[in-house]
Amino acid sequence: MFLFRSVLFIVLLPLFSFGCTTTPPVAVVPEENMPPATEYHIGIDDVIAVSVWRNAELSVTGPVRPDGKITMPIIGDVQAGGKTPEQVAASIREKLGEYIRDPQVAVSVVELVSHTYLTRVRVTGAVTQPISISHRPGMTVLDAILAAGGVTEFAASNRTTLYRKQAEKSQAFPVYLKKILYQGELDTNYELMPGDIISVPERRF
């Protein structure tokens, strides 16, 4: 009898533990569903910060000149316009390597000027207040819709479309906004990129 009770306890314990699990599910947006993203390219008048680790005297902050260049101590002019921050950092790192050993360089854009309109996100259609807002890293479709005051009673939310221009070609991605807003399904709550347009159509009566 004791052996039978021991076996029964061992069998039931895992079942009991499984039934009492309280770990909440985690919503994950599959990467294959995400629209492709593009890297930011520095433009004229953008203010950039160049930081050289342990060499504060070589670090500079300033606008990109009309010729697309910035001036660095020791190495002189460096092309920044039309390049990504990572590309500019690599160029500076290569040139500084002739003077200091293994330079660690970081480049960041601290003020967007050249792409004032190109970097904005726009929400149009059946929303409370159509808007054009500055893009911020990490901004999603839901963030933009909430900034627009949400959808109107006439919105056909699940026919929302995200338009993105890449390589001179515009791409359209369906956004199931109703599922995002009311069902918590985030598969199409895409992270936005500068220049994105979200269009919320009205219902057909």
N, C-alpha and C. Protein backbone atom coordinates (compact mmCIF):
# COMPACT_ATOMS: atom_id res chain seq x y z
N MET A 1 0.83 -1.20 0.00
CA MET A 1 0.00 0.00 0.00
C MET A 1 0.87 1.26 0.00
N PHE A 2 1.92 1.25 0.80
CA PHE A 2 2.83 2.40 0.86
C PHE A 2 3.48 2.65 -0.49
N LEU A 3 3.87 1.53 -1.19
CA LEU A 3 4.49 1.66 -2.50
C LEU A 3 3.52 2.26 -3.50
N PHE A 4 2.24 1.83 -3.44
CA PHE A 4 1.23 2.33 -4.36
C PHE A 4 1.02 3.83 -4.17
N ARG A 5 0.93 4.29 -2.91
CA ARG A 5 0.74 5.71 -2.63
C ARG A 5 1.93 6.54 -3.10
N SER A 6 3.14 5.98 -2.95
CA SER A 6 4.34 6.71 -3.37
C SER A 6 4.33 6.91 -4.88
N VAL A 7 3.98 5.85 -5.62
CA VAL A 7 3.94 5.94 -7.07
C VAL A 7 2.88 6.93 -7.51
N LEU A 8 1.69 6.89 -6.87
CA LEU A 8 0.61 7.79 -7.21
C LEU A 8 1.02 9.25 -6.98
N PHE A 9 1.74 9.51 -5.89
CA PHE A 9 2.20 10.87 -5.56
C PHE A 9 3.17 11.38 -6.63
N ILE A 10 4.07 10.52 -7.07
CA ILE A 10 5.07 10.90 -8.06
C ILE A 10 4.41 11.22 -9.40
N VAL A 11 3.35 10.47 -9.76
CA VAL A 11 2.66 10.69 -11.02
C VAL A 11 1.85 11.97 -10.99
N LEU A 12 1.18 12.26 -9.87
CA LEU A 12 0.28 13.40 -9.78
C LEU A 12 1.00 14.73 -9.58
N LEU A 13 2.19 14.69 -8.95
CA LEU A 13 2.90 15.93 -8.64
C LEU A 13 3.21 16.75 -9.89
N PRO A 14 3.75 16.16 -11.00
CA PRO A 14 4.02 16.98 -12.19
C PRO A 14 2.75 17.57 -12.78
N LEU A 15 1.63 16.79 -12.72
CA LEU A 15 0.37 17.29 -13.26
C LEU A 15 -0.13 18.47 -12.46
N PHE A 16 0.01 18.40 -11.15
CA PHE A 16 -0.42 19.50 -10.29
C PHE A 16 0.41 20.74 -10.53
N SER A 17 1.73 20.56 -10.68
CA SER A 17 2.62 21.70 -10.91
C SER A 17 2.30 22.38 -12.23
N PHE A 18 1.99 21.57 -13.27
CA PHE A 18 1.68 22.13 -14.57
C PHE A 18 0.38 22.94 -14.53
N GLY A 19 -0.59 22.44 -13.80
CA GLY A 19 -1.87 23.10 -13.71
C GLY A 19 -1.80 24.41 -12.96
N CYS A 20 -0.80 24.60 -12.09
CA CYS A 20 -0.70 25.81 -11.29
C CYS A 20 0.25 26.85 -11.88
N THR A 21 0.75 26.57 -13.08
CA THR A 21 1.70 27.51 -13.69
C THR A 21 1.03 28.85 -13.95
N THR A 22 1.72 29.94 -13.58
CA THR A 22 1.14 31.28 -13.74
C THR A 22 1.98 32.16 -14.65
N THR A 23 2.98 31.57 -15.32
CA THR A 23 3.83 32.37 -16.19
C THR A 23 3.02 32.90 -17.36
N PRO A 24 2.94 34.22 -17.55
CA PRO A 24 2.11 34.77 -18.61
C PRO A 24 2.74 34.55 -19.98
N PRO A 25 1.92 34.41 -21.02
CA PRO A 25 2.47 34.26 -22.37
C PRO A 25 3.14 35.56 -22.80
N VAL A 26 4.12 35.44 -23.64
CA VAL A 26 4.84 36.60 -24.15
C VAL A 26 4.50 36.80 -25.61
N ALA A 27 4.03 37.98 -25.96
CA ALA A 27 3.70 38.28 -27.35
C ALA A 27 4.97 38.62 -28.11
N VAL A 28 5.21 37.94 -29.22
CA VAL A 28 6.40 38.16 -30.03
C VAL A 28 5.96 38.48 -31.45
N VAL A 29 6.54 39.54 -32.01
CA VAL A 29 6.27 39.88 -33.40
C VAL A 29 7.29 39.16 -34.27
N PRO A 30 6.86 38.21 -35.11
CA PRO A 30 7.81 37.46 -35.94
C PRO A 30 8.60 38.38 -36.85
N GLU A 31 9.91 38.19 -36.90
CA GLU A 31 10.75 39.06 -37.70
C GLU A 31 10.41 38.99 -39.18
N GLU A 32 9.94 37.80 -39.65
CA GLU A 32 9.65 37.68 -41.06
C GLU A 32 8.44 38.51 -41.48
N ASN A 33 7.64 38.96 -40.50
CA ASN A 33 6.48 39.79 -40.80
C ASN A 33 6.80 41.27 -40.83
N MET A 34 8.00 41.62 -40.41
CA MET A 34 8.36 43.03 -40.30
C MET A 34 8.76 43.60 -41.66
N PRO A 35 8.32 44.82 -41.98
CA PRO A 35 8.79 45.45 -43.21
C PRO A 35 10.28 45.72 -43.13
N PRO A 36 10.97 45.71 -44.25
CA PRO A 36 12.40 45.96 -44.23
C PRO A 36 12.71 47.38 -43.77
N ALA A 37 13.82 47.56 -43.10
CA ALA A 37 14.21 48.87 -42.58
C ALA A 37 15.43 49.38 -43.34
N THR A 38 15.61 50.67 -43.32
CA THR A 38 16.78 51.27 -43.95
C THR A 38 17.56 52.05 -42.92
N GLU A 39 18.88 52.17 -43.14
CA GLU A 39 19.73 52.92 -42.23
C GLU A 39 19.68 54.40 -42.57
N TYR A 40 19.85 55.22 -41.55
CA TYR A 40 19.82 56.67 -41.76
C TYR A 40 21.13 57.14 -42.38
N HIS A 41 21.02 57.96 -43.41
CA HIS A 41 22.19 58.54 -44.05
C HIS A 41 22.28 60.02 -43.67
N ILE A 42 23.44 60.41 -43.21
CA ILE A 42 23.67 61.77 -42.74
C ILE A 42 23.56 62.76 -43.90
N GLY A 43 22.95 63.92 -43.62
CA GLY A 43 22.78 64.94 -44.65
C GLY A 43 23.43 66.25 -44.25
N ILE A 44 23.46 67.19 -45.18
CA ILE A 44 24.03 68.52 -44.93
C ILE A 44 23.24 69.23 -43.83
N ASP A 45 23.96 69.87 -42.94
CA ASP A 45 23.42 70.62 -41.79
C ASP A 45 23.03 69.73 -40.61
N ASP A 46 23.02 68.41 -40.77
CA ASP A 46 22.81 67.54 -39.61
C ASP A 46 23.94 67.78 -38.61
N VAL A 47 23.60 67.80 -37.34
CA VAL A 47 24.62 67.95 -36.30
C VAL A 47 25.02 66.57 -35.81
N ILE A 48 26.30 66.26 -35.90
CA ILE A 48 26.77 64.94 -35.48
C ILE A 48 27.81 65.08 -34.38
N ALA A 49 27.88 64.05 -33.56
CA ALA A 49 28.86 63.99 -32.47
C ALA A 49 29.81 62.85 -32.74
N VAL A 50 31.10 63.15 -32.73
CA VAL A 50 32.14 62.13 -32.91
C VAL A 50 32.87 61.98 -31.59
N SER A 51 32.82 60.78 -31.04
CA SER A 51 33.45 60.51 -29.75
C SER A 51 34.59 59.51 -29.94
N VAL A 52 35.77 59.90 -29.49
CA VAL A 52 36.95 59.02 -29.56
C VAL A 52 37.29 58.63 -28.13
N TRP A 53 37.12 57.36 -27.83
CA TRP A 53 37.28 56.87 -26.46
C TRP A 53 38.69 57.15 -25.93
N ARG A 54 38.74 57.72 -24.72
CA ARG A 54 39.98 58.06 -24.03
C ARG A 54 40.81 59.12 -24.75
N ASN A 55 40.17 59.82 -25.69
CA ASN A 55 40.84 60.92 -26.40
C ASN A 55 39.85 62.06 -26.58
N ALA A 56 39.49 62.68 -25.46
CA ALA A 56 38.48 63.74 -25.49
C ALA A 56 38.88 64.89 -26.40
N GLU A 57 40.17 65.13 -26.52
CA GLU A 57 40.62 66.26 -27.35
C GLU A 57 40.38 66.00 -28.83
N LEU A 58 40.10 64.75 -29.19
CA LEU A 58 39.82 64.40 -30.58
C LEU A 58 38.33 64.32 -30.87
N SER A 59 37.51 64.42 -29.84
CA SER A 59 36.06 64.32 -29.99
C SER A 59 35.48 65.68 -30.38
N VAL A 60 34.56 65.67 -31.33
CA VAL A 60 33.96 66.92 -31.82
C VAL A 60 32.46 66.77 -32.00
N THR A 61 31.76 67.90 -31.95
CA THR A 61 30.33 67.95 -32.25
C THR A 61 30.08 69.18 -33.10
N GLY A 62 29.38 68.99 -34.21
CA GLY A 62 29.13 70.13 -35.08
C GLY A 62 28.32 69.74 -36.30
N PRO A 63 27.88 70.73 -37.09
CA PRO A 63 27.07 70.46 -38.28
C PRO A 63 27.92 70.00 -39.46
N VAL A 64 27.27 69.27 -40.34
CA VAL A 64 27.92 68.85 -41.59
C VAL A 64 27.88 70.03 -42.56
N ARG A 65 29.03 70.38 -43.12
CA ARG A 65 29.14 71.54 -44.00
C ARG A 65 28.42 71.30 -45.34
N PRO A 66 28.17 72.37 -46.11
CA PRO A 66 27.53 72.20 -47.42
C PRO A 66 28.27 71.26 -48.36
N ASP A 67 29.60 71.09 -48.15
CA ASP A 67 30.34 70.16 -49.01
C ASP A 67 30.24 68.72 -48.49
N GLY A 68 29.44 68.53 -47.42
CA GLY A 68 29.22 67.18 -46.90
C GLY A 68 30.30 66.69 -45.97
N LYS A 69 31.19 67.57 -45.54
CA LYS A 69 32.32 67.13 -44.72
C LYS A 69 32.30 67.74 -43.32
N ILE A 70 33.06 67.12 -42.43
CA ILE A 70 33.33 67.67 -41.10
C ILE A 70 34.84 67.70 -40.93
N THR A 71 35.30 68.54 -40.01
CA THR A 71 36.73 68.63 -39.78
C THR A 71 37.07 68.03 -38.42
N MET A 72 38.05 67.11 -38.44
CA MET A 72 38.50 66.43 -37.23
C MET A 72 39.92 66.87 -36.87
N PRO A 73 40.24 66.94 -35.59
CA PRO A 73 41.63 67.21 -35.20
C PRO A 73 42.56 66.14 -35.78
N ILE A 74 43.75 66.54 -36.11
CA ILE A 74 44.82 65.67 -36.64
C ILE A 74 44.57 65.23 -38.07
N ILE A 75 43.41 64.63 -38.35
CA ILE A 75 43.20 64.00 -39.66
C ILE A 75 42.53 64.94 -40.67
N GLY A 76 41.99 66.07 -40.23
CA GLY A 76 41.40 67.02 -41.16
C GLY A 76 39.98 66.66 -41.59
N ASP A 77 39.66 66.93 -42.86
CA ASP A 77 38.30 66.75 -43.35
C ASP A 77 37.94 65.28 -43.54
N VAL A 78 36.69 64.97 -43.19
CA VAL A 78 36.16 63.61 -43.34
C VAL A 78 34.78 63.72 -43.99
N GLN A 79 34.55 62.91 -45.00
CA GLN A 79 33.24 62.91 -45.67
C GLN A 79 32.19 62.27 -44.76
N ALA A 80 31.10 63.02 -44.53
CA ALA A 80 30.02 62.50 -43.69
C ALA A 80 28.69 62.46 -44.45
N GLY A 81 28.45 63.45 -45.31
CA GLY A 81 27.20 63.51 -46.05
C GLY A 81 27.00 62.30 -46.94
N GLY A 82 25.80 61.72 -46.88
CA GLY A 82 25.48 60.57 -47.70
C GLY A 82 25.89 59.24 -47.11
N LYS A 83 26.55 59.27 -45.94
CA LYS A 83 27.00 58.04 -45.30
C LYS A 83 26.23 57.78 -44.01
N THR A 84 26.24 56.54 -43.56
CA THR A 84 25.63 56.21 -42.28
C THR A 84 26.60 56.56 -41.16
N PRO A 85 26.12 56.75 -39.93
CA PRO A 85 27.04 57.01 -38.82
C PRO A 85 28.11 55.94 -38.68
N GLU A 86 27.75 54.69 -38.93
CA GLU A 86 28.73 53.60 -38.81
C GLU A 86 29.82 53.73 -39.87
N GLN A 87 29.45 54.16 -41.08
CA GLN A 87 30.44 54.32 -42.15
C GLN A 87 31.39 55.47 -41.84
N VAL A 88 30.85 56.56 -41.29
CA VAL A 88 31.70 57.70 -40.93
C VAL A 88 32.66 57.30 -39.81
N ALA A 89 32.16 56.56 -38.83
CA ALA A 89 33.01 56.10 -37.73
C ALA A 89 34.14 55.23 -38.24
N ALA A 90 33.82 54.35 -39.20
CA ALA A 90 34.84 53.46 -39.76
C ALA A 90 35.92 54.26 -40.49
N SER A 91 35.49 55.30 -41.22
CA SER A 91 36.44 56.14 -41.96
C SER A 91 37.36 56.89 -41.01
N ILE A 92 36.78 57.44 -39.94
CA ILE A 92 37.59 58.17 -38.95
C ILE A 92 38.54 57.21 -38.24
N ARG A 93 38.04 56.03 -37.92
CA ARG A 93 38.85 55.03 -37.23
C ARG A 93 40.07 54.65 -38.07
N GLU A 94 39.85 54.50 -39.37
CA GLU A 94 40.96 54.12 -40.27
C GLU A 94 42.02 55.22 -40.33
N LYS A 95 41.57 56.48 -40.42
CA LYS A 95 42.53 57.59 -40.53
C LYS A 95 43.26 57.83 -39.21
N LEU A 96 42.53 57.72 -38.10
CA LEU A 96 43.18 57.92 -36.80
C LEU A 96 44.16 56.80 -36.48
N GLY A 97 43.94 55.65 -37.08
CA GLY A 97 44.83 54.51 -36.85
C GLY A 97 46.27 54.78 -37.24
N GLU A 98 46.47 55.81 -38.07
CA GLU A 98 47.84 56.17 -38.45
C GLU A 98 48.56 56.95 -37.35
N TYR A 99 47.79 57.43 -36.35
CA TYR A 99 48.37 58.28 -35.31
C TYR A 99 48.25 57.69 -33.91
N ILE A 100 47.14 56.97 -33.65
CA ILE A 100 46.98 56.36 -32.33
C ILE A 100 46.62 54.88 -32.51
N ARG A 101 46.90 54.11 -31.49
CA ARG A 101 46.71 52.66 -31.60
C ARG A 101 45.27 52.27 -31.29
N ASP A 102 44.68 51.51 -32.20
CA ASP A 102 43.34 50.94 -32.04
C ASP A 102 42.33 51.97 -31.53
N PRO A 103 42.07 53.03 -32.29
CA PRO A 103 41.11 54.05 -31.83
C PRO A 103 39.67 53.50 -31.81
N GLN A 104 38.95 53.85 -30.76
CA GLN A 104 37.54 53.46 -30.63
C GLN A 104 36.69 54.69 -30.91
N VAL A 105 35.95 54.65 -32.01
CA VAL A 105 35.21 55.81 -32.48
C VAL A 105 33.71 55.52 -32.55
N ALA A 106 32.91 56.45 -32.07
CA ALA A 106 31.46 56.35 -32.17
C ALA A 106 30.92 57.64 -32.77
N VAL A 107 30.01 57.52 -33.71
CA VAL A 107 29.40 58.68 -34.37
C VAL A 107 27.89 58.59 -34.19
N SER A 108 27.28 59.69 -33.75
CA SER A 108 25.83 59.73 -33.58
C SER A 108 25.28 61.04 -34.12
N VAL A 109 24.06 60.99 -34.60
CA VAL A 109 23.38 62.19 -35.09
C VAL A 109 22.60 62.78 -33.93
N VAL A 110 22.96 63.98 -33.50
CA VAL A 110 22.32 64.59 -32.34
C VAL A 110 21.22 65.57 -32.73
N GLU A 111 21.20 65.98 -33.99
CA GLU A 111 20.12 66.86 -34.46
C GLU A 111 19.89 66.64 -35.95
N LEU A 112 18.67 66.24 -36.29
CA LEU A 112 18.31 66.02 -37.69
C LEU A 112 17.84 67.35 -38.29
N VAL A 113 18.53 67.79 -39.30
CA VAL A 113 18.16 69.04 -39.95
C VAL A 113 17.87 68.80 -41.43
N SER A 114 18.74 68.07 -42.09
CA SER A 114 18.62 67.89 -43.54
C SER A 114 17.38 67.12 -43.95
N HIS A 115 16.91 66.24 -43.06
CA HIS A 115 15.78 65.38 -43.40
C HIS A 115 14.53 65.75 -42.61
N THR A 116 14.32 67.05 -42.41
CA THR A 116 13.22 67.49 -41.56
C THR A 116 11.90 66.86 -41.97
N TYR A 117 11.62 66.82 -43.27
CA TYR A 117 10.35 66.24 -43.73
C TYR A 117 10.49 64.77 -44.11
N LEU A 118 11.66 64.40 -44.61
CA LEU A 118 11.86 63.01 -44.99
C LEU A 118 11.80 62.07 -43.80
N THR A 119 12.10 62.58 -42.61
CA THR A 119 12.15 61.72 -41.44
C THR A 119 10.84 61.71 -40.66
N ARG A 120 9.82 62.39 -41.15
CA ARG A 120 8.56 62.43 -40.41
C ARG A 120 7.70 61.22 -40.71
N VAL A 121 6.83 60.90 -39.77
CA VAL A 121 5.85 59.82 -39.92
C VAL A 121 4.48 60.47 -40.02
N ARG A 122 3.67 60.01 -40.99
CA ARG A 122 2.37 60.62 -41.21
C ARG A 122 1.25 59.60 -41.04
N VAL A 123 0.16 60.07 -40.42
CA VAL A 123 -1.02 59.23 -40.24
C VAL A 123 -2.19 59.95 -40.89
N THR A 124 -2.84 59.29 -41.84
CA THR A 124 -3.94 59.92 -42.58
C THR A 124 -5.19 59.04 -42.55
N GLY A 125 -6.30 59.63 -43.00
CA GLY A 125 -7.53 58.86 -43.12
C GLY A 125 -8.45 58.98 -41.92
N ALA A 126 -9.08 57.88 -41.56
CA ALA A 126 -10.12 57.87 -40.52
C ALA A 126 -9.54 57.83 -39.11
N VAL A 127 -8.80 58.88 -38.77
CA VAL A 127 -8.28 59.05 -37.42
C VAL A 127 -8.80 60.38 -36.88
N THR A 128 -8.76 60.52 -35.57
CA THR A 128 -9.30 61.74 -34.95
C THR A 128 -8.59 62.99 -35.45
N GLN A 129 -7.27 62.92 -35.57
CA GLN A 129 -6.51 64.08 -36.01
C GLN A 129 -5.35 63.62 -36.91
N PRO A 130 -5.51 63.69 -38.24
CA PRO A 130 -4.38 63.34 -39.12
C PRO A 130 -3.16 64.15 -38.73
N ILE A 131 -2.00 63.50 -38.67
CA ILE A 131 -0.82 64.17 -38.15
C ILE A 131 0.43 63.87 -38.98
N SER A 132 1.42 64.73 -38.81
CA SER A 132 2.77 64.52 -39.32
C SER A 132 3.69 64.75 -38.14
N ILE A 133 4.34 63.71 -37.66
CA ILE A 133 5.16 63.81 -36.45
C ILE A 133 6.58 63.35 -36.70
N SER A 134 7.49 63.85 -35.89
CA SER A 134 8.90 63.46 -36.01
C SER A 134 9.06 62.00 -35.62
N HIS A 135 9.87 61.29 -36.41
CA HIS A 135 10.14 59.89 -36.09
C HIS A 135 11.03 59.79 -34.87
N ARG A 136 10.75 58.80 -34.04
CA ARG A 136 11.57 58.51 -32.88
C ARG A 136 11.94 57.03 -32.89
N PRO A 137 13.18 56.67 -32.53
CA PRO A 137 13.56 55.26 -32.50
C PRO A 137 12.62 54.45 -31.61
N GLY A 138 12.20 53.30 -32.11
CA GLY A 138 11.31 52.44 -31.35
C GLY A 138 9.84 52.74 -31.57
N MET A 139 9.50 53.80 -32.30
CA MET A 139 8.11 54.15 -32.57
C MET A 139 7.43 53.05 -33.38
N THR A 140 6.21 52.69 -32.98
CA THR A 140 5.46 51.65 -33.68
C THR A 140 4.19 52.21 -34.30
N VAL A 141 3.51 51.37 -35.06
CA VAL A 141 2.23 51.76 -35.65
C VAL A 141 1.27 52.23 -34.56
N LEU A 142 1.19 51.48 -33.47
CA LEU A 142 0.28 51.83 -32.38
C LEU A 142 0.62 53.19 -31.78
N ASP A 143 1.90 53.49 -31.61
CA ASP A 143 2.31 54.79 -31.08
C ASP A 143 1.79 55.92 -31.97
N ALA A 144 1.93 55.76 -33.29
CA ALA A 144 1.51 56.80 -34.22
C ALA A 144 -0.01 56.96 -34.22
N ILE A 145 -0.74 55.86 -34.16
CA ILE A 145 -2.20 55.92 -34.15
C ILE A 145 -2.69 56.61 -32.88
N LEU A 146 -2.08 56.31 -31.75
CA LEU A 146 -2.48 56.95 -30.49
C LEU A 146 -2.15 58.44 -30.53
N ALA A 147 -1.03 58.80 -31.15
CA ALA A 147 -0.67 60.21 -31.27
C ALA A 147 -1.68 60.96 -32.14
N ALA A 148 -2.33 60.22 -33.04
CA ALA A 148 -3.35 60.81 -33.90
C ALA A 148 -4.72 60.82 -33.24
N GLY A 149 -4.78 60.44 -31.98
CA GLY A 149 -6.04 60.46 -31.24
C GLY A 149 -6.89 59.23 -31.42
N GLY A 150 -6.33 58.18 -32.05
CA GLY A 150 -7.09 56.95 -32.28
C GLY A 150 -7.93 57.05 -33.55
N VAL A 151 -8.67 55.98 -33.83
CA VAL A 151 -9.47 55.93 -35.04
C VAL A 151 -10.88 56.47 -34.79
N THR A 152 -11.56 56.86 -35.86
CA THR A 152 -12.93 57.35 -35.74
C THR A 152 -13.90 56.17 -35.80
N GLU A 153 -15.17 56.46 -35.57
CA GLU A 153 -16.19 55.41 -35.60
C GLU A 153 -16.42 54.88 -37.00
N PHE A 154 -15.93 55.61 -38.00
CA PHE A 154 -16.13 55.19 -39.39
C PHE A 154 -14.93 54.41 -39.94
N ALA A 155 -13.92 54.18 -39.13
CA ALA A 155 -12.68 53.56 -39.61
C ALA A 155 -12.86 52.07 -39.93
N ALA A 156 -12.28 51.67 -41.03
CA ALA A 156 -12.17 50.24 -41.36
C ALA A 156 -10.77 49.83 -40.91
N SER A 157 -10.62 49.64 -39.61
CA SER A 157 -9.30 49.52 -38.99
C SER A 157 -8.46 48.38 -39.55
N ASN A 158 -9.09 47.26 -39.86
CA ASN A 158 -8.32 46.11 -40.32
C ASN A 158 -7.92 46.20 -41.80
N ARG A 159 -8.26 47.31 -42.45
CA ARG A 159 -7.80 47.55 -43.82
C ARG A 159 -6.75 48.66 -43.86
N THR A 160 -6.16 48.93 -42.70
CA THR A 160 -5.10 49.94 -42.61
C THR A 160 -3.87 49.48 -43.40
N THR A 161 -3.15 50.43 -43.98
CA THR A 161 -1.97 50.10 -44.77
C THR A 161 -0.79 50.97 -44.35
N LEU A 162 0.37 50.35 -44.25
CA LEU A 162 1.62 51.06 -43.98
C LEU A 162 2.38 51.17 -45.30
N TYR A 163 2.67 52.39 -45.71
CA TYR A 163 3.42 52.63 -46.94
C TYR A 163 4.85 53.04 -46.59
N ARG A 164 5.80 52.39 -47.26
CA ARG A 164 7.22 52.68 -47.01
C ARG A 164 7.96 52.75 -48.34
N LYS A 165 8.74 53.84 -48.50
CA LYS A 165 9.51 54.00 -49.72
C LYS A 165 10.93 53.52 -49.50
N GLN A 166 11.37 52.62 -50.39
CA GLN A 166 12.73 52.09 -50.31
C GLN A 166 13.29 51.93 -51.71
N ALA A 167 14.51 52.42 -51.88
CA ALA A 167 15.20 52.29 -53.17
C ALA A 167 14.31 52.80 -54.30
N GLU A 168 13.73 53.99 -54.08
CA GLU A 168 12.89 54.65 -55.09
C GLU A 168 11.63 53.86 -55.42
N LYS A 169 11.28 52.89 -54.62
CA LYS A 169 10.05 52.12 -54.85
C LYS A 169 9.23 52.08 -53.57
N SER A 170 7.92 52.27 -53.71
CA SER A 170 7.04 52.27 -52.55
C SER A 170 6.48 50.88 -52.32
N GLN A 171 6.49 50.45 -51.06
CA GLN A 171 5.94 49.15 -50.69
C GLN A 171 4.78 49.35 -49.73
N ALA A 172 3.79 48.46 -49.81
CA ALA A 172 2.60 48.55 -48.96
C ALA A 172 2.51 47.29 -48.10
N PHE A 173 2.24 47.49 -46.79
CA PHE A 173 2.13 46.39 -45.85
C PHE A 173 0.79 46.47 -45.13
N PRO A 174 0.00 45.40 -45.14
CA PRO A 174 -1.28 45.43 -44.44
C PRO A 174 -1.09 45.50 -42.93
N VAL A 175 -1.91 46.30 -42.29
CA VAL A 175 -1.88 46.44 -40.83
C VAL A 175 -3.27 46.11 -40.29
N TYR A 176 -3.34 45.10 -39.44
CA TYR A 176 -4.63 44.71 -38.86
C TYR A 176 -4.82 45.49 -37.55
N LEU A 177 -5.18 46.76 -37.74
CA LEU A 177 -5.22 47.70 -36.63
C LEU A 177 -6.28 47.33 -35.59
N LYS A 178 -7.41 46.82 -36.03
CA LYS A 178 -8.46 46.44 -35.08
C LYS A 178 -7.96 45.35 -34.13
N LYS A 179 -7.20 44.40 -34.68
CA LYS A 179 -6.65 43.33 -33.85
C LYS A 179 -5.61 43.88 -32.87
N ILE A 180 -4.86 44.89 -33.31
CA ILE A 180 -3.87 45.51 -32.42
C ILE A 180 -4.56 46.25 -31.28
N LEU A 181 -5.59 47.05 -31.64
CA LEU A 181 -6.24 47.91 -30.66
C LEU A 181 -7.13 47.16 -29.68
N TYR A 182 -7.87 46.15 -30.18
CA TYR A 182 -8.90 45.54 -29.35
C TYR A 182 -8.64 44.09 -28.97
N GLN A 183 -7.69 43.44 -29.65
CA GLN A 183 -7.44 42.04 -29.36
C GLN A 183 -6.01 41.77 -28.90
N GLY A 184 -5.19 42.80 -28.91
CA GLY A 184 -3.82 42.64 -28.43
C GLY A 184 -2.94 41.79 -29.34
N GLU A 185 -3.34 41.62 -30.61
CA GLU A 185 -2.53 40.84 -31.54
C GLU A 185 -1.54 41.79 -32.23
N LEU A 186 -0.26 41.61 -31.97
CA LEU A 186 0.75 42.59 -32.35
C LEU A 186 1.58 42.20 -33.57
N ASP A 187 1.14 41.18 -34.31
CA ASP A 187 1.94 40.72 -35.45
C ASP A 187 2.21 41.83 -36.46
N THR A 188 1.26 42.76 -36.62
CA THR A 188 1.46 43.84 -37.60
C THR A 188 1.68 45.20 -36.94
N ASN A 189 2.03 45.19 -35.67
CA ASN A 189 2.39 46.45 -35.00
C ASN A 189 3.85 46.75 -35.31
N TYR A 190 4.10 47.08 -36.57
CA TYR A 190 5.46 47.24 -37.06
C TYR A 190 6.19 48.42 -36.41
N GLU A 191 7.49 48.27 -36.26
CA GLU A 191 8.31 49.41 -35.86
C GLU A 191 8.46 50.32 -37.07
N LEU A 192 8.23 51.60 -36.88
CA LEU A 192 8.21 52.54 -37.99
C LEU A 192 9.60 53.06 -38.34
N MET A 193 9.71 53.49 -39.59
CA MET A 193 10.93 54.09 -40.09
C MET A 193 10.63 55.50 -40.58
N PRO A 194 11.64 56.38 -40.65
CA PRO A 194 11.41 57.74 -41.15
C PRO A 194 10.76 57.71 -42.53
N GLY A 195 9.75 58.56 -42.72
CA GLY A 195 9.07 58.65 -44.01
C GLY A 195 7.87 57.74 -44.16
N ASP A 196 7.61 56.88 -43.19
CA ASP A 196 6.47 55.96 -43.28
C ASP A 196 5.15 56.73 -43.27
N ILE A 197 4.17 56.18 -43.99
CA ILE A 197 2.81 56.74 -44.01
C ILE A 197 1.83 55.64 -43.64
N ILE A 198 0.97 55.95 -42.67
CA ILE A 198 -0.08 55.01 -42.25
C ILE A 198 -1.41 55.56 -42.72
N SER A 199 -2.13 54.77 -43.50
CA SER A 199 -3.42 55.20 -44.03
C SER A 199 -4.53 54.32 -43.47
N VAL A 200 -5.49 54.96 -42.80
CA VAL A 200 -6.64 54.25 -42.22
C VAL A 200 -7.88 54.59 -43.05
N PRO A 201 -8.41 53.62 -43.83
CA PRO A 201 -9.57 53.94 -44.69
C PRO A 201 -10.87 53.95 -43.90
N GLU A 202 -11.89 54.54 -44.50
CA GLU A 202 -13.22 54.52 -43.89
C GLU A 202 -13.99 53.30 -44.39
N ARG A 203 -14.98 52.90 -43.59
CA ARG A 203 -15.83 51.77 -43.98
C ARG A 203 -16.66 52.13 -45.20
N ARG A 204 -16.97 51.11 -46.00
CA ARG A 204 -17.88 51.30 -47.13
C ARG A 204 -19.31 51.05 -46.65
N PHE A 205 -20.18 52.02 -46.82
CA PHE A 205 -21.55 51.88 -46.34
C PHE A 205 -22.45 51.36 -47.43
